[in-house]
PDB file of N, CA and C in Angstrom:
ATOM      1  N   UNK A   1       0.840  -1.171   0.000  1.00  0.00           N
ATOM      2  CA  UNK A   1       0.000   0.000   0.000  1.00  0.00           C
ATOM      3  C   UNK A   1       0.891   1.243   0.000  1.00  0.00           C
ATOM      4  N   UNK A   2       0.764   2.087  -0.954  1.00  0.00           N
ATOM      5  CA  UNK A   2       1.564   3.287  -1.106  1.00  0.00           C
ATOM      6  C   UNK A   2       0.777   4.499  -0.611  1.00  0.00           C
ATOM      7  N   UNK A   3       1.329   5.221   0.379  1.00  0.00           N
ATOM      8  CA  UNK A   3       0.631   6.386   0.921  1.00  0.00           C
ATOM      9  C   UNK A   3       1.366   7.688   0.651  1.00  0.00           C
ATOM     10  N   UNK A   4       2.588   7.632   0.154  1.00  0.00           N
ATOM     11  CA  UNK A   4       3.320   8.847  -0.190  1.00  0.00           C
ATOM     12  C   UNK A   4       3.821   9.640   0.997  1.00  0.00           C
ATOM     13  N   UNK A   5       3.996   9.006   2.153  1.00  0.00           N
ATOM     14  CA  UNK A   5       4.437   9.725   3.339  1.00  0.00           C
ATOM     15  C   UNK A   5       5.954   9.861   3.423  1.00  0.00           C
ATOM     16  N   UNK A   6       6.674   8.989   2.701  1.00  0.00           N
ATOM     17  CA  UNK A   6       8.136   8.985   2.744  1.00  0.00           C
ATOM     18  C   UNK A   6       8.664   8.989   1.321  1.00  0.00           C
ATOM     19  N   UNK A   7       9.746   9.725   1.117  1.00  0.00           N
ATOM     20  CA  UNK A   7      10.402   9.762  -0.193  1.00  0.00           C
ATOM     21  C   UNK A   7      11.778   9.128  -0.067  1.00  0.00           C
ATOM     22  N   UNK A   8      12.119   8.305  -1.041  1.00  0.00           N
ATOM     23  CA  UNK A   8      13.445   7.692  -1.111  1.00  0.00           C
ATOM     24  C   UNK A   8      14.328   8.555  -2.002  1.00  0.00           C
ATOM     25  N   UNK A   9      15.523   8.849  -1.516  1.00  0.00           N
ATOM     26  CA  UNK A   9      16.485   9.641  -2.280  1.00  0.00           C
ATOM     27  C   UNK A   9      17.676   8.747  -2.570  1.00  0.00           C
ATOM     28  N   UNK A  10      17.985   8.537  -3.855  1.00  0.00           N
ATOM     29  CA  UNK A  10      19.059   7.626  -4.253  1.00  0.00           C
ATOM     30  C   UNK A  10      20.343   7.903  -3.479  1.00  0.00           C
ATOM     31  N   UNK A  11      20.885   6.854  -2.895  1.00  0.00           N
ATOM     32  CA  UNK A  11      22.157   6.887  -2.158  1.00  0.00           C
ATOM     33  C   UNK A  11      22.175   7.880  -0.992  1.00  0.00           C
ATOM     34  N   UNK A  12      21.029   8.351  -0.572  1.00  0.00           N
ATOM     35  CA  UNK A  12      20.996   9.325   0.534  1.00  0.00           C
ATOM     36  C   UNK A  12      20.000   8.949   1.617  1.00  0.00           C
ATOM     37  N   UNK A  13      19.205   7.926   1.401  1.00  0.00           N
ATOM     38  CA  UNK A  13      18.265   7.501   2.428  1.00  0.00           C
ATOM     39  C   UNK A  13      16.842   7.947   2.150  1.00  0.00           C
ATOM     40  N   UNK A  14      16.153   8.305   3.209  1.00  0.00           N
ATOM     41  CA  UNK A  14      14.728   8.621   3.123  1.00  0.00           C
ATOM     42  C   UNK A  14      14.443   9.972   3.768  1.00  0.00           C
ATOM     43  N   UNK A  15      13.413  10.615   3.291  1.00  0.00           N
ATOM     44  CA  UNK A  15      12.957  11.897   3.834  1.00  0.00           C
ATOM     45  C   UNK A  15      11.434  11.872   3.925  1.00  0.00           C
ATOM     46  N   UNK A  16      10.930  12.632   4.866  1.00  0.00           N
ATOM     47  CA  UNK A  16       9.480  12.790   4.976  1.00  0.00           C
ATOM     48  C   UNK A  16       9.007  13.580   3.760  1.00  0.00           C
ATOM     49  N   UNK A  17       7.938  13.117   3.143  1.00  0.00           N
ATOM     50  CA  UNK A  17       7.394  13.790   1.964  1.00  0.00           C
ATOM     51  C   UNK A  17       6.862  15.168   2.346  1.00  0.00           C
ATOM     52  N   UNK A  18       6.990  16.134   1.442  1.00  0.00           N
ATOM     53  CA  UNK A  18       6.443  17.466   1.727  1.00  0.00           C
ATOM     54  C   UNK A  18       4.924  17.404   1.890  1.00  0.00           C
ATOM     55  N   UNK A  19       4.400  18.380   2.623  1.00  0.00           N
ATOM     56  CA  UNK A  19       2.958  18.439   2.852  1.00  0.00           C
ATOM     57  C   UNK A  19       2.475  19.861   2.554  1.00  0.00           C
ATOM     58  N   UNK A  20       1.298  19.958   2.026  1.00  0.00           N
ATOM     59  CA  UNK A  20       0.740  21.260   1.669  1.00  0.00           C
ATOM     60  C   UNK A  20       0.084  21.903   2.896  1.00  0.00           C
ATOM     61  N   UNK A  21      -0.217  23.181   2.780  1.00  0.00           N
ATOM     62  CA  UNK A  21      -0.940  23.891   3.838  1.00  0.00           C
ATOM     63  C   UNK A  21      -2.297  23.222   4.065  1.00  0.00           C
ATOM     64  N   UNK A  22      -2.964  22.826   2.979  1.00  0.00           N
ATOM     65  CA  UNK A  22      -4.258  22.144   3.105  1.00  0.00           C
ATOM     66  C   UNK A  22      -4.085  20.799   3.812  1.00  0.00           C
ATOM     67  N   UNK A  23      -2.994  20.108   3.516  1.00  0.00           N
ATOM     68  CA  UNK A  23      -2.716  18.829   4.181  1.00  0.00           C
ATOM     69  C   UNK A  23      -2.518  19.010   5.677  1.00  0.00           C
ATOM     70  N   UNK A  24      -1.811  20.067   6.064  1.00  0.00           N
ATOM     71  CA  UNK A  24      -1.616  20.354   7.491  1.00  0.00           C
ATOM     72  C   UNK A  24      -2.951  20.703   8.140  1.00  0.00           C
ATOM     73  N   UNK A  25      -3.768  21.483   7.442  1.00  0.00           N
ATOM     74  CA  UNK A  25      -5.082  21.847   7.983  1.00  0.00           C
ATOM     75  C   UNK A  25      -5.951  20.601   8.176  1.00  0.00           C
ATOM     76  N   UNK A  26      -5.945  19.701   7.204  1.00  0.00           N
ATOM     77  CA  UNK A  26      -6.719  18.457   7.315  1.00  0.00           C
ATOM     78  C   UNK A  26      -6.213  17.596   8.469  1.00  0.00           C
ATOM     79  N   UNK A  27      -4.909  17.476   8.570  1.00  0.00           N
ATOM     80  CA  UNK A  27      -4.306  16.681   9.648  1.00  0.00           C
ATOM     81  C   UNK A  27      -4.676  17.268  11.008  1.00  0.00           C
ATOM     82  N   UNK A  28      -4.604  18.577  11.138  1.00  0.00           N
ATOM     83  CA  UNK A  28      -4.948  19.237  12.398  1.00  0.00           C
ATOM     84  C   UNK A  28      -6.412  19.033  12.746  1.00  0.00           C
ATOM     85  N   UNK A  29      -7.285  19.146  11.758  1.00  0.00           N
ATOM     86  CA  UNK A  29      -8.720  18.944  11.991  1.00  0.00           C
ATOM     87  C   UNK A  29      -9.003  17.529  12.490  1.00  0.00           C
ATOM     88  N   UNK A  30      -8.377  16.540  11.867  1.00  0.00           N
ATOM     89  CA  UNK A  30      -8.589  15.150  12.273  1.00  0.00           C
ATOM     90  C   UNK A  30      -8.013  14.899  13.666  1.00  0.00           C
ATOM     91  N   UNK A  31      -6.828  15.457  13.940  1.00  0.00           N
ATOM     92  CA  UNK A  31      -6.244  15.304  15.279  1.00  0.00           C
ATOM     93  C   UNK A  31      -7.164  15.894  16.339  1.00  0.00           C
ATOM     94  N   UNK A  32      -7.729  17.067  16.072  1.00  0.00           N
ATOM     95  CA  UNK A  32      -8.643  17.679  17.036  1.00  0.00           C
ATOM     96  C   UNK A  32      -9.862  16.798  17.292  1.00  0.00           C
ATOM     97  N   UNK A  33     -10.411  16.218  16.240  1.00  0.00           N
ATOM     98  CA  UNK A  33     -11.562  15.327  16.403  1.00  0.00           C
ATOM     99  C   UNK A  33     -11.207  14.118  17.262  1.00  0.00           C
ATOM    100  N   UNK A  34     -10.093  13.483  16.937  1.00  0.00           N
ATOM    101  CA  UNK A  34      -9.678  12.275  17.656  1.00  0.00           C
ATOM    102  C   UNK A  34      -9.295  12.601  19.097  1.00  0.00           C
ATOM    103  N   UNK A  35      -8.476  13.641  19.288  1.00  0.00           N
ATOM    104  CA  UNK A  35      -7.998  13.956  20.625  1.00  0.00           C
ATOM    105  C   UNK A  35      -9.108  14.466  21.534  1.00  0.00           C
ATOM    106  N   UNK A  36     -10.070  15.197  20.982  1.00  0.00           N
ATOM    107  CA  UNK A  36     -11.198  15.667  21.784  1.00  0.00           C
ATOM    108  C   UNK A  36     -12.035  14.486  22.262  1.00  0.00           C
ATOM    109  N   UNK A  37     -12.301  13.557  21.367  1.00  0.00           N
ATOM    110  CA  UNK A  37     -13.086  12.369  21.752  1.00  0.00           C
ATOM    111  C   UNK A  37     -12.322  11.509  22.755  1.00  0.00           C
ATOM    112  N   UNK A  38     -11.026  11.382  22.570  1.00  0.00           N
ATOM    113  CA  UNK A  38     -10.198  10.598  23.488  1.00  0.00           C
ATOM    114  C   UNK A  38     -10.191  11.230  24.874  1.00  0.00           C
ATOM    115  N   UNK A  39     -10.048  12.553  24.941  1.00  0.00           N
ATOM    116  CA  UNK A  39     -10.074  13.250  26.228  1.00  0.00           C
ATOM    117  C   UNK A  39     -11.429  13.091  26.898  1.00  0.00           C
ATOM    118  N   UNK A  40     -12.489  13.234  26.135  1.00  0.00           N
ATOM    119  CA  UNK A  40     -13.840  13.070  26.687  1.00  0.00           C
ATOM    120  C   UNK A  40     -13.993  11.676  27.308  1.00  0.00           C
ATOM    121  N   UNK A  41     -13.536  10.665  26.593  1.00  0.00           N
ATOM    122  CA  UNK A  41     -13.619   9.288  27.093  1.00  0.00           C
ATOM    123  C   UNK A  41     -12.782   9.114  28.361  1.00  0.00           C
ATOM    124  N   UNK A  42     -11.584   9.698  28.368  1.00  0.00           N
ATOM    125  CA  UNK A  42     -10.718   9.577  29.540  1.00  0.00           C
ATOM    126  C   UNK A  42     -11.360  10.241  30.762  1.00  0.00           C
ATOM    127  N   UNK A  43     -11.940  11.409  30.570  1.00  0.00           N
ATOM    128  CA  UNK A  43     -12.576  12.112  31.688  1.00  0.00           C
ATOM    129  C   UNK A  43     -13.775  11.350  32.227  1.00  0.00           C
ATOM    130  N   UNK A  44     -14.521  10.707  31.359  1.00  0.00           N
ATOM    131  CA  UNK A  44     -15.702   9.955  31.796  1.00  0.00           C
ATOM    132  C   UNK A  44     -15.339   8.641  32.466  1.00  0.00           C
ATOM    133  N   UNK A  45     -14.214   8.039  32.054  1.00  0.00           N
ATOM    134  CA  UNK A  45     -13.898   6.690  32.525  1.00  0.00           C
ATOM    135  C   UNK A  45     -12.650   6.590  33.396  1.00  0.00           C
ATOM    136  N   UNK A  46     -11.979   7.717  33.627  1.00  0.00           N
ATOM    137  CA  UNK A  46     -10.748   7.690  34.407  1.00  0.00           C
ATOM    138  C   UNK A  46     -11.003   7.412  35.881  1.00  0.00           C
ATOM    139  N   UNK A  47     -10.104   6.669  36.481  1.00  0.00           N
ATOM    140  CA  UNK A  47     -10.225   6.347  37.903  1.00  0.00           C
ATOM    141  C   UNK A  47      -9.628   7.483  38.743  1.00  0.00           C
ATOM    142  N   UNK A  48      -9.756   7.373  40.071  1.00  0.00           N
ATOM    143  CA  UNK A  48      -9.157   8.370  40.963  1.00  0.00           C
ATOM    144  C   UNK A  48      -7.629   8.351  40.840  1.00  0.00           C
ATOM    145  N   UNK A  49      -7.049   7.170  40.647  1.00  0.00           N
ATOM    146  CA  UNK A  49      -5.597   7.078  40.448  1.00  0.00           C
ATOM    147  C   UNK A  49      -5.185   7.799  39.173  1.00  0.00           C
ATOM    148  N   UNK A  50      -5.960   7.612  38.107  1.00  0.00           N
ATOM    149  CA  UNK A  50      -5.686   8.303  36.845  1.00  0.00           C
ATOM    150  C   UNK A  50      -5.753   9.809  37.050  1.00  0.00           C
ATOM    151  N   UNK A  51      -6.786  10.274  37.757  1.00  0.00           N
ATOM    152  CA  UNK A  51      -6.944  11.706  37.992  1.00  0.00           C
ATOM    153  C   UNK A  51      -5.754  12.252  38.793  1.00  0.00           C
ATOM    154  N   UNK A  52      -5.303  11.498  39.779  1.00  0.00           N
ATOM    155  CA  UNK A  52      -4.131  11.904  40.559  1.00  0.00           C
ATOM    156  C   UNK A  52      -2.883  12.002  39.688  1.00  0.00           C
ATOM    157  N   UNK A  53      -2.733  11.064  38.757  1.00  0.00           N
ATOM    158  CA  UNK A  53      -1.596  11.102  37.831  1.00  0.00           C
ATOM    159  C   UNK A  53      -1.667  12.336  36.931  1.00  0.00           C
ATOM    160  N   UNK A  54      -2.876  12.709  36.506  1.00  0.00           N
ATOM    161  CA  UNK A  54      -3.046  13.900  35.664  1.00  0.00           C
ATOM    162  C   UNK A  54      -2.640  15.150  36.446  1.00  0.00           C
ATOM    163  N   UNK A  55      -3.095  15.258  37.690  1.00  0.00           N
ATOM    164  CA  UNK A  55      -2.757  16.416  38.519  1.00  0.00           C
ATOM    165  C   UNK A  55      -1.245  16.475  38.755  1.00  0.00           C
ATOM    166  N   UNK A  56      -0.631  15.333  39.042  1.00  0.00           N
ATOM    167  CA  UNK A  56       0.818  15.291  39.261  1.00  0.00           C
ATOM    168  C   UNK A  56       1.581  15.685  37.999  1.00  0.00           C
ATOM    169  N   UNK A  57       1.122  15.227  36.850  1.00  0.00           N
ATOM    170  CA  UNK A  57       1.768  15.583  35.581  1.00  0.00           C
ATOM    171  C   UNK A  57       1.658  17.074  35.320  1.00  0.00           C
ATOM    172  N   UNK A  58       0.486  17.640  35.593  1.00  0.00           N
ATOM    173  CA  UNK A  58       0.299  19.075  35.411  1.00  0.00           C
ATOM    174  C   UNK A  58       1.255  19.855  36.309  1.00  0.00           C
ATOM    175  N   UNK A  59       1.381  19.426  37.543  1.00  0.00           N
ATOM    176  CA  UNK A  59       2.283  20.090  38.481  1.00  0.00           C
ATOM    177  C   UNK A  59       3.732  20.024  37.975  1.00  0.00           C
ATOM    178  N   UNK A  60       4.142  18.843  37.510  1.00  0.00           N
ATOM    179  CA  UNK A  60       5.497  18.687  36.992  1.00  0.00           C
ATOM    180  C   UNK A  60       5.760  19.567  35.784  1.00  0.00           C
ATOM    181  N   UNK A  61       4.814  19.608  34.858  1.00  0.00           N
ATOM    182  CA  UNK A  61       4.974  20.451  33.668  1.00  0.00           C
ATOM    183  C   UNK A  61       4.984  21.932  34.026  1.00  0.00           C
ATOM    184  N   UNK A  62       4.165  22.323  34.998  1.00  0.00           N
ATOM    185  CA  UNK A  62       4.151  23.715  35.438  1.00  0.00           C
ATOM    186  C   UNK A  62       5.491  24.103  36.039  1.00  0.00           C
ATOM    187  N   UNK A  63       6.101  23.206  36.809  1.00  0.00           N
ATOM    188  CA  UNK A  63       7.409  23.463  37.407  1.00  0.00           C
ATOM    189  C   UNK A  63       8.467  23.656  36.334  1.00  0.00           C
ATOM    190  N   UNK A  64       8.436  22.835  35.308  1.00  0.00           N
ATOM    191  CA  UNK A  64       9.401  22.953  34.212  1.00  0.00           C
ATOM    192  C   UNK A  64       9.212  24.290  33.504  1.00  0.00           C
ATOM    193  N   UNK A  65       7.970  24.668  33.257  1.00  0.00           N
ATOM    194  CA  UNK A  65       7.690  25.932  32.572  1.00  0.00           C
ATOM    195  C   UNK A  65       8.250  27.108  33.367  1.00  0.00           C
ATOM    196  N   UNK A  66       8.086  27.095  34.700  1.00  0.00           N
ATOM    197  CA  UNK A  66       8.618  28.180  35.539  1.00  0.00           C
ATOM    198  C   UNK A  66      10.137  28.240  35.441  1.00  0.00           C
ATOM    199  N   UNK A  67      10.786  27.083  35.459  1.00  0.00           N
ATOM    200  CA  UNK A  67      12.247  27.044  35.376  1.00  0.00           C
ATOM    201  C   UNK A  67      12.735  27.569  34.032  1.00  0.00           C
ATOM    202  N   UNK A  68      12.006  27.296  32.967  1.00  0.00           N
ATOM    203  CA  UNK A  68      12.407  27.754  31.638  1.00  0.00           C
ATOM    204  C   UNK A  68      12.353  29.273  31.525  1.00  0.00           C
ATOM    205  N   UNK A  69      11.477  29.919  32.273  1.00  0.00           N
ATOM    206  CA  UNK A  69      11.355  31.375  32.186  1.00  0.00           C
ATOM    207  C   UNK A  69      12.278  32.093  33.157  1.00  0.00           C
ATOM    208  N   UNK A  70      13.003  31.361  33.999  1.00  0.00           N
ATOM    209  CA  UNK A  70      13.873  31.981  34.997  1.00  0.00           C
ATOM    210  C   UNK A  70      15.217  32.425  34.440  1.00  0.00           C
ATOM    211  N   UNK A  71      15.637  31.888  33.336  1.00  0.00           N
ATOM    212  CA  UNK A  71      16.947  32.266  32.816  1.00  0.00           C
ATOM    213  C   UNK A  71      17.165  31.702  31.436  1.00  0.00           C
ATOM    214  N   UNK A  72      18.414  31.821  30.948  1.00  0.00           N
ATOM    215  CA  UNK A  72      18.711  31.306  29.609  1.00  0.00           C
ATOM    216  C   UNK A  72      18.564  29.790  29.536  1.00  0.00           C
ATOM    217  N   UNK A  73      18.118  29.329  28.403  1.00  0.00           N
ATOM    218  CA  UNK A  73      17.946  27.899  28.170  1.00  0.00           C
ATOM    219  C   UNK A  73      19.267  27.302  27.679  1.00  0.00           C
ATOM    220  N   UNK A  74      19.789  26.309  28.407  1.00  0.00           N
ATOM    221  CA  UNK A  74      21.033  25.638  28.033  1.00  0.00           C
ATOM    222  C   UNK A  74      20.676  24.240  27.538  1.00  0.00           C
ATOM    223  N   UNK A  75      20.897  24.008  26.267  1.00  0.00           N
ATOM    224  CA  UNK A  75      20.578  22.709  25.693  1.00  0.00           C
ATOM    225  C   UNK A  75      21.738  21.737  25.794  1.00  0.00           C
ATOM    226  N   UNK A  76      22.953  22.253  25.833  1.00  0.00           N
ATOM    227  CA  UNK A  76      24.127  21.407  25.867  1.00  0.00           C
ATOM    228  C   UNK A  76      25.160  22.051  26.786  1.00  0.00           C
ATOM    229  N   UNK A  77      25.403  21.414  27.920  1.00  0.00           N
ATOM    230  CA  UNK A  77      26.313  22.031  28.896  1.00  0.00           C
ATOM    231  C   UNK A  77      27.764  21.633  28.714  1.00  0.00           C
ATOM    232  N   UNK A  78      28.130  21.077  27.572  1.00  0.00           N
ATOM    233  CA  UNK A  78      29.521  20.669  27.320  1.00  0.00           C
ATOM    234  C   UNK A  78      30.380  21.841  26.961  1.00  0.00           C
TER     235      UNK A  78
END
């Protein structure tokens, strides 16, 4: 089955195929549909342990965000 997602370049390997603005818009629309339904299902069926994990993850991500705004970002300390 050929979907055109990857391009082969002679003696150079593979590259992701280019995508149009319309293709990105379509992909984003489908992701929103899927992710919204998935979130709705998770909220309706999640256990108390799951909810605690969500709160803990939010706290961890918030802490990282605060640290990123405190100073310069160092990606490589070598």
